[in-house]
Amino acid sequence: MTSNADIVVMSSKGQVVVPKGVRNAVDADIGTQFVVFGSGSTIILRKIEVPSFSQKELEKMVAQSEKKLKQAGFVTEQSRRNLVEEAIAQTRKR
C-alpha cells in the first residue's frame, strides 16, 4: 500500500481540501462520507463504506426484523394496518 502525505491548510470555516492523490488512493469522490476522529494533535478521516444490498436481501432483512419484533410483542406498521383492515371488514359483515 502506497502512503500519500501532503500539507493542507484549514479555512476560516474549518474546511480542509483532501489532496487529489489521497482522494484517488482511497477512491473518494464527491459525496463520499467520512467519520472523523480527533485526539490531541491528531485528526483521522476514515471513509465510510456503505454496504449495498439487493432488493431481495433487503426484503429478507425486513421480514426477519418484523418476525423478531412480533416475537418480542411489538406490532409493525404493516401488521397494525392489517389488524385495522380486519376489524373494519368484520364490522361491515355485521
N, C-alpha and C. Protein backbone atom coordinates (compact mmCIF):
# COMPACT_ATOMS: atom_id res chain seq x y z
N MET A 1 0.84 -1.18 0.00
CA MET A 1 0.00 0.00 0.00
C MET A 1 0.88 1.24 0.00
N THR A 2 0.62 2.14 -0.93
CA THR A 2 1.38 3.37 -1.03
C THR A 2 0.79 4.41 -0.10
N SER A 3 1.65 5.14 0.58
CA SER A 3 1.20 6.18 1.50
C SER A 3 1.31 7.53 0.82
N ASN A 4 0.25 8.33 0.90
CA ASN A 4 0.24 9.68 0.34
C ASN A 4 0.16 10.67 1.49
N ALA A 5 1.04 11.65 1.48
CA ALA A 5 1.00 12.68 2.52
C ALA A 5 1.16 14.04 1.85
N ASP A 6 0.50 15.02 2.37
CA ASP A 6 0.56 16.38 1.85
C ASP A 6 0.27 17.34 2.98
N ILE A 7 0.65 18.58 2.81
CA ILE A 7 0.34 19.62 3.81
C ILE A 7 -0.87 20.40 3.31
N VAL A 8 -1.87 20.55 4.18
CA VAL A 8 -3.07 21.29 3.85
C VAL A 8 -3.30 22.36 4.90
N VAL A 9 -4.12 23.36 4.55
CA VAL A 9 -4.40 24.48 5.46
C VAL A 9 -5.90 24.52 5.71
N MET A 10 -6.29 24.72 6.97
CA MET A 10 -7.70 24.81 7.31
C MET A 10 -8.21 26.22 7.00
N SER A 11 -9.41 26.30 6.41
CA SER A 11 -10.03 27.59 6.11
C SER A 11 -10.67 28.17 7.37
N SER A 12 -11.16 29.39 7.25
CA SER A 12 -11.83 30.04 8.38
C SER A 12 -13.12 29.31 8.77
N LYS A 13 -13.63 28.50 7.86
CA LYS A 13 -14.84 27.71 8.14
C LYS A 13 -14.51 26.31 8.66
N GLY A 14 -13.25 26.02 8.89
CA GLY A 14 -12.84 24.71 9.39
C GLY A 14 -12.72 23.67 8.30
N GLN A 15 -12.66 24.10 7.05
CA GLN A 15 -12.58 23.16 5.94
C GLN A 15 -11.14 22.92 5.52
N VAL A 16 -10.86 21.68 5.10
CA VAL A 16 -9.57 21.35 4.50
C VAL A 16 -9.85 20.61 3.20
N VAL A 17 -8.95 20.76 2.25
CA VAL A 17 -9.08 20.05 0.98
C VAL A 17 -8.23 18.79 1.06
N VAL A 18 -8.86 17.66 0.79
CA VAL A 18 -8.12 16.40 0.77
C VAL A 18 -7.41 16.36 -0.60
N PRO A 19 -6.09 16.27 -0.60
CA PRO A 19 -5.35 16.30 -1.87
C PRO A 19 -5.81 15.20 -2.83
N LYS A 20 -5.76 15.51 -4.12
CA LYS A 20 -6.25 14.61 -5.16
C LYS A 20 -5.59 13.23 -5.07
N GLY A 21 -4.29 13.19 -4.81
CA GLY A 21 -3.60 11.90 -4.70
C GLY A 21 -4.17 11.03 -3.59
N VAL A 22 -4.51 11.66 -2.47
CA VAL A 22 -5.10 10.93 -1.35
C VAL A 22 -6.52 10.49 -1.71
N ARG A 23 -7.29 11.39 -2.32
CA ARG A 23 -8.66 11.03 -2.75
C ARG A 23 -8.63 9.84 -3.70
N ASN A 24 -7.70 9.88 -4.65
CA ASN A 24 -7.59 8.76 -5.60
C ASN A 24 -7.17 7.47 -4.90
N ALA A 25 -6.26 7.59 -3.95
CA ALA A 25 -5.74 6.41 -3.24
C ALA A 25 -6.84 5.70 -2.46
N VAL A 26 -7.81 6.46 -1.94
CA VAL A 26 -8.89 5.85 -1.16
C VAL A 26 -10.20 5.77 -1.94
N ASP A 27 -10.13 6.10 -3.22
CA ASP A 27 -11.30 6.05 -4.10
C ASP A 27 -12.44 6.91 -3.55
N ALA A 28 -12.10 8.16 -3.19
CA ALA A 28 -13.09 9.10 -2.66
C ALA A 28 -13.52 10.05 -3.78
N ASP A 29 -14.81 10.28 -3.87
CA ASP A 29 -15.36 11.16 -4.89
C ASP A 29 -16.36 12.09 -4.22
N ILE A 30 -16.98 12.95 -5.00
CA ILE A 30 -17.98 13.86 -4.46
C ILE A 30 -19.05 13.05 -3.72
N GLY A 31 -19.37 13.45 -2.51
CA GLY A 31 -20.39 12.77 -1.72
C GLY A 31 -19.87 11.65 -0.84
N THR A 32 -18.59 11.30 -0.99
CA THR A 32 -18.03 10.25 -0.13
C THR A 32 -18.12 10.71 1.32
N GLN A 33 -18.55 9.84 2.20
CA GLN A 33 -18.70 10.18 3.61
C GLN A 33 -17.53 9.64 4.42
N PHE A 34 -17.15 10.41 5.43
CA PHE A 34 -16.05 10.03 6.32
C PHE A 34 -16.51 10.19 7.76
N VAL A 35 -15.95 9.36 8.62
CA VAL A 35 -16.10 9.58 10.06
C VAL A 35 -14.80 10.24 10.48
N VAL A 36 -14.89 11.22 11.39
CA VAL A 36 -13.72 12.00 11.79
C VAL A 36 -13.43 11.73 13.26
N PHE A 37 -12.18 11.34 13.52
CA PHE A 37 -11.71 11.11 14.89
C PHE A 37 -10.68 12.19 15.21
N GLY A 38 -10.69 12.69 16.42
CA GLY A 38 -9.69 13.66 16.83
C GLY A 38 -9.23 13.41 18.24
N SER A 39 -7.92 13.50 18.45
CA SER A 39 -7.35 13.33 19.78
C SER A 39 -6.00 14.03 19.81
N GLY A 40 -5.83 14.92 20.78
CA GLY A 40 -4.58 15.66 20.87
C GLY A 40 -4.35 16.46 19.61
N SER A 41 -3.22 16.23 18.95
CA SER A 41 -2.93 16.96 17.72
C SER A 41 -3.16 16.09 16.48
N THR A 42 -3.93 15.02 16.63
CA THR A 42 -4.15 14.10 15.52
C THR A 42 -5.62 14.11 15.09
N ILE A 43 -5.82 14.20 13.78
CA ILE A 43 -7.15 14.08 13.19
C ILE A 43 -7.09 12.96 12.17
N ILE A 44 -8.05 12.05 12.25
CA ILE A 44 -8.09 10.93 11.32
C ILE A 44 -9.44 10.95 10.60
N LEU A 45 -9.39 10.86 9.29
CA LEU A 45 -10.59 10.70 8.47
C LEU A 45 -10.64 9.24 8.04
N ARG A 46 -11.78 8.60 8.23
CA ARG A 46 -11.92 7.22 7.77
C ARG A 46 -13.14 7.15 6.87
N LYS A 47 -12.94 6.67 5.66
CA LYS A 47 -14.02 6.56 4.69
C LYS A 47 -15.07 5.57 5.19
N ILE A 48 -16.31 5.96 5.07
CA ILE A 48 -17.41 5.08 5.46
C ILE A 48 -17.81 4.25 4.26
N GLU A 49 -17.73 2.95 4.40
CA GLU A 49 -18.13 2.03 3.33
C GLU A 49 -19.60 1.69 3.53
N VAL A 50 -20.42 2.12 2.61
CA VAL A 50 -21.85 1.85 2.70
C VAL A 50 -22.13 0.54 1.97
N PRO A 51 -22.65 -0.45 2.68
CA PRO A 51 -22.92 -1.73 2.03
C PRO A 51 -24.07 -1.59 1.04
N SER A 52 -24.01 -2.37 -0.01
CA SER A 52 -25.11 -2.38 -0.97
C SER A 52 -25.81 -3.73 -0.89
N PHE A 53 -27.12 -3.69 -0.95
CA PHE A 53 -27.92 -4.91 -0.85
C PHE A 53 -28.88 -4.96 -2.02
N SER A 54 -29.18 -6.16 -2.46
CA SER A 54 -30.19 -6.32 -3.50
C SER A 54 -31.57 -6.16 -2.85
N GLN A 55 -32.57 -5.94 -3.69
CA GLN A 55 -33.94 -5.80 -3.19
C GLN A 55 -34.35 -7.05 -2.42
N LYS A 56 -33.95 -8.22 -2.92
CA LYS A 56 -34.30 -9.48 -2.26
C LYS A 56 -33.66 -9.56 -0.88
N GLU A 57 -32.38 -9.15 -0.76
CA GLU A 57 -31.70 -9.18 0.53
C GLU A 57 -32.36 -8.22 1.52
N LEU A 58 -32.75 -7.02 1.04
CA LEU A 58 -33.42 -6.05 1.91
C LEU A 58 -34.76 -6.59 2.40
N GLU A 59 -35.52 -7.19 1.49
CA GLU A 59 -36.82 -7.74 1.87
C GLU A 59 -36.65 -8.85 2.91
N LYS A 60 -35.61 -9.67 2.76
CA LYS A 60 -35.34 -10.74 3.72
C LYS A 60 -35.01 -10.16 5.09
N MET A 61 -34.18 -9.10 5.12
CA MET A 61 -33.82 -8.47 6.40
C MET A 61 -35.04 -7.85 7.06
N VAL A 62 -35.91 -7.21 6.26
CA VAL A 62 -37.13 -6.62 6.82
C VAL A 62 -38.02 -7.70 7.40
N ALA A 63 -38.18 -8.79 6.67
CA ALA A 63 -39.02 -9.90 7.15
C ALA A 63 -38.48 -10.47 8.45
N GLN A 64 -37.16 -10.66 8.53
CA GLN A 64 -36.54 -11.18 9.76
C GLN A 64 -36.74 -10.21 10.92
N SER A 65 -36.59 -8.92 10.64
CA SER A 65 -36.77 -7.91 11.69
C SER A 65 -38.20 -7.89 12.18
N GLU A 66 -39.15 -7.93 11.24
CA GLU A 66 -40.56 -7.94 11.63
C GLU A 66 -40.90 -9.16 12.46
N LYS A 67 -40.33 -10.31 12.10
CA LYS A 67 -40.56 -11.55 12.85
C LYS A 67 -40.06 -11.41 14.29
N LYS A 68 -38.84 -10.86 14.43
CA LYS A 68 -38.27 -10.67 15.77
C LYS A 68 -39.07 -9.66 16.58
N LEU A 69 -39.53 -8.59 15.93
CA LEU A 69 -40.36 -7.60 16.63
C LEU A 69 -41.67 -8.23 17.10
N LYS A 70 -42.27 -9.03 16.24
CA LYS A 70 -43.53 -9.68 16.60
C LYS A 70 -43.33 -10.62 17.78
N GLN A 71 -42.23 -11.39 17.76
CA GLN A 71 -41.92 -12.31 18.85
C GLN A 71 -41.71 -11.55 20.16
N ALA A 72 -41.20 -10.32 20.05
CA ALA A 72 -40.94 -9.51 21.25
C ALA A 72 -42.18 -8.74 21.69
N GLY A 73 -43.28 -8.88 20.93
CA GLY A 73 -44.52 -8.22 21.33
C GLY A 73 -44.76 -6.88 20.68
N PHE A 74 -43.90 -6.48 19.75
CA PHE A 74 -44.10 -5.22 19.04
C PHE A 74 -44.98 -5.44 17.83
N VAL A 75 -45.73 -4.43 17.47
CA VAL A 75 -46.60 -4.51 16.30
C VAL A 75 -46.02 -3.57 15.24
N THR A 76 -45.77 -4.13 14.05
CA THR A 76 -45.24 -3.30 12.97
C THR A 76 -46.36 -2.49 12.34
N GLU A 77 -46.00 -1.46 11.59
CA GLU A 77 -46.99 -0.61 10.93
C GLU A 77 -47.85 -1.43 9.97
N GLN A 78 -47.23 -2.33 9.22
CA GLN A 78 -48.00 -3.15 8.28
C GLN A 78 -48.96 -4.08 9.02
N SER A 79 -48.50 -4.71 10.11
CA SER A 79 -49.40 -5.60 10.84
C SER A 79 -50.51 -4.79 11.52
N ARG A 80 -50.21 -3.57 11.93
CA ARG A 80 -51.24 -2.70 12.51
C ARG A 80 -52.30 -2.39 11.45
N ARG A 81 -51.85 -2.07 10.22
CA ARG A 81 -52.80 -1.80 9.14
C ARG A 81 -53.66 -3.03 8.86
N ASN A 82 -53.02 -4.21 8.86
CA ASN A 82 -53.77 -5.44 8.63
C ASN A 82 -54.82 -5.66 9.70
N LEU A 83 -54.46 -5.40 10.96
CA LEU A 83 -55.42 -5.55 12.06
C LEU A 83 -56.59 -4.59 11.91
N VAL A 84 -56.31 -3.36 11.52
CA VAL A 84 -57.37 -2.36 11.33
C VAL A 84 -58.28 -2.79 10.18
N GLU A 85 -57.67 -3.24 9.07
CA GLU A 85 -58.47 -3.68 7.92
C GLU A 85 -59.34 -4.87 8.29
N GLU A 86 -58.81 -5.80 9.07
CA GLU A 86 -59.59 -6.96 9.51
C GLU A 86 -60.75 -6.52 10.39
N ALA A 87 -60.50 -5.60 11.31
CA ALA A 87 -61.56 -5.12 12.20
C ALA A 87 -62.65 -4.41 11.40
N ILE A 88 -62.26 -3.62 10.42
CA ILE A 88 -63.25 -2.93 9.58
C ILE A 88 -64.08 -3.94 8.80
N ALA A 89 -63.40 -4.94 8.23
CA ALA A 89 -64.10 -5.97 7.45
C ALA A 89 -65.09 -6.74 8.32
N GLN A 90 -64.68 -7.09 9.53
CA GLN A 90 -65.58 -7.83 10.43
C GLN A 90 -66.76 -6.97 10.85
N THR A 91 -66.53 -5.69 11.08
CA THR A 91 -67.61 -4.78 11.47
C THR A 91 -68.62 -4.63 10.35
N ARG A 92 -68.13 -4.56 9.12
CA ARG A 92 -69.03 -4.40 7.97
C ARG A 92 -69.85 -5.64 7.71
N LYS A 93 -69.35 -6.81 8.14
CA LYS A 93 -70.09 -8.06 7.95
C LYS A 93 -71.32 -8.12 8.85
N ARG A 94 -71.31 -7.39 9.94
CA ARG A 94 -72.39 -7.46 10.94
C ARG A 94 -73.65 -6.84 10.43
